[in-house]
Protein backbone atom coordinates (compact mmCIF):
# COMPACT_ATOMS: atom_id res chain seq x y z
CA MET A 1 0.12 0.05 -0.12
CA SER A 2 1.42 3.21 -0.98
CA THR A 3 0.86 6.69 0.74
CA LYS A 4 1.32 9.96 -0.63
CA PRO A 5 3.19 12.44 1.27
CA GLN A 6 1.26 15.08 3.22
CA ARG A 7 1.68 18.79 1.80
CA LYS A 8 1.29 21.61 3.88
CA VAL A 9 -0.88 24.35 2.60
CA VAL A 10 -0.75 27.61 3.89
CA LEU A 11 -3.26 30.48 2.93
CA LEU A 12 -2.36 34.03 2.88
CA HIS A 13 -5.01 36.54 2.40
CA ALA A 14 -5.06 40.15 2.32
CA SER A 15 -6.28 40.78 5.96
CA SER A 16 -3.71 38.39 7.62
CA GLU A 17 -1.10 40.05 9.67
CA ARG A 18 1.87 40.64 7.28
CA LYS A 19 3.95 43.70 7.95
CA LEU A 20 5.39 45.38 4.60
CA PRO A 21 8.91 46.37 4.31
CA PRO A 22 10.05 49.46 5.50
CA ALA A 23 10.64 50.79 2.31
CA ALA A 24 7.05 50.21 1.45
CA SER A 25 6.39 53.84 2.87
CA THR A 26 8.48 55.44 -0.02
CA LEU A 27 6.32 53.47 -2.59
CA VAL A 28 3.13 54.72 -4.23
CA ASP A 29 0.63 52.96 -6.62
CA ARG A 30 -0.27 53.78 -10.13
CA TYR A 31 -3.21 55.63 -9.20
CA GLN A 32 -0.62 57.90 -6.97
CA ALA A 33 1.88 58.23 -9.41
CA ALA A 34 -0.67 59.60 -11.97
CA LEU A 35 -1.67 62.28 -9.58
CA ILE A 36 2.04 63.27 -9.15
CA LEU A 37 2.60 63.42 -12.46
CA ASN A 38 -0.75 65.41 -13.18
CA THR A 39 -1.47 62.47 -15.91
CA SER A 40 -3.59 59.35 -16.63
CA VAL A 41 -2.97 56.05 -15.13
CA MET A 42 -2.86 54.89 -19.10
CA THR A 43 0.27 57.29 -19.62
CA VAL A 44 1.88 56.01 -16.16
CA ARG A 45 1.80 52.63 -17.80
CA ARG A 46 3.22 53.98 -21.20
CA LEU A 47 5.90 55.60 -19.02
CA GLU A 48 6.61 52.45 -17.59
CA ALA A 49 6.69 50.20 -20.80
CA ASP A 50 8.93 53.18 -22.15
CA GLY A 51 11.46 52.42 -19.39
CA LYS A 52 11.06 55.65 -17.91
CA LEU A 53 9.70 54.45 -14.67
CA VAL A 54 10.47 51.22 -13.35
CA ASN A 55 7.67 49.51 -11.15
CA ARG A 56 7.96 46.95 -7.99
CA LYS A 57 5.33 44.21 -8.10
CA LEU A 58 3.76 43.34 -4.64
CA ARG A 59 2.20 40.14 -5.08
CA ASP A 60 -0.37 39.00 -2.92
CA GLY A 61 -1.68 35.50 -3.72
CA ARG A 62 -2.89 35.59 -6.88
CA THR A 63 -3.12 39.42 -7.64
CA SER A 64 -0.14 41.70 -7.76
CA LYS A 65 -0.05 45.39 -7.43
CA ALA A 66 2.24 47.75 -9.23
CA LEU A 67 4.59 50.32 -7.15
CA TYR A 68 6.66 53.00 -8.04
CA ARG A 69 9.34 54.59 -5.69
CA LYS A 70 7.91 58.17 -4.75
CA ASP A 71 11.09 59.87 -5.34
CA GLU A 72 11.83 58.41 -8.92
CA VAL A 73 8.03 59.64 -9.71
CA TYR A 74 8.87 63.24 -8.00
CA ALA A 75 12.25 63.24 -10.51
CA LEU A 76 10.20 62.12 -13.25
CA ALA A 77 7.89 65.11 -12.59
CA GLY A 78 10.47 67.61 -12.10
CA ALA A 79 9.27 68.52 -8.68
CA PRO A 80 10.53 68.32 -5.10
CA MET A 81 9.41 65.65 -2.91
CA PRO A 82 7.47 66.94 -0.01
CA GLU A 83 9.17 66.98 3.23
CA ASN A 84 5.99 65.13 5.38
CA ASN A 85 6.08 62.11 3.04
CA SER A 86 2.51 62.44 2.01
CA ALA A 87 1.64 62.18 -1.46
């Protein structure tokens, strides 16, 4: 009689208690990047495709979210980054 090895399955949900890395506070999503650049989300996607903006993917199970470094977005916009880290 052969037995299959047991697999341990761990499910992660968005509501699970996971902390983002400290650098995550300096990241913005596509919508926030579009607001900083005063443009549309589609233009942010084009900038990414052209290599002018590099995204970092935050993966949570099956979904992922494109995030951009705040300082890179402000540099592309030609504007100084605010001191209070709000954007």
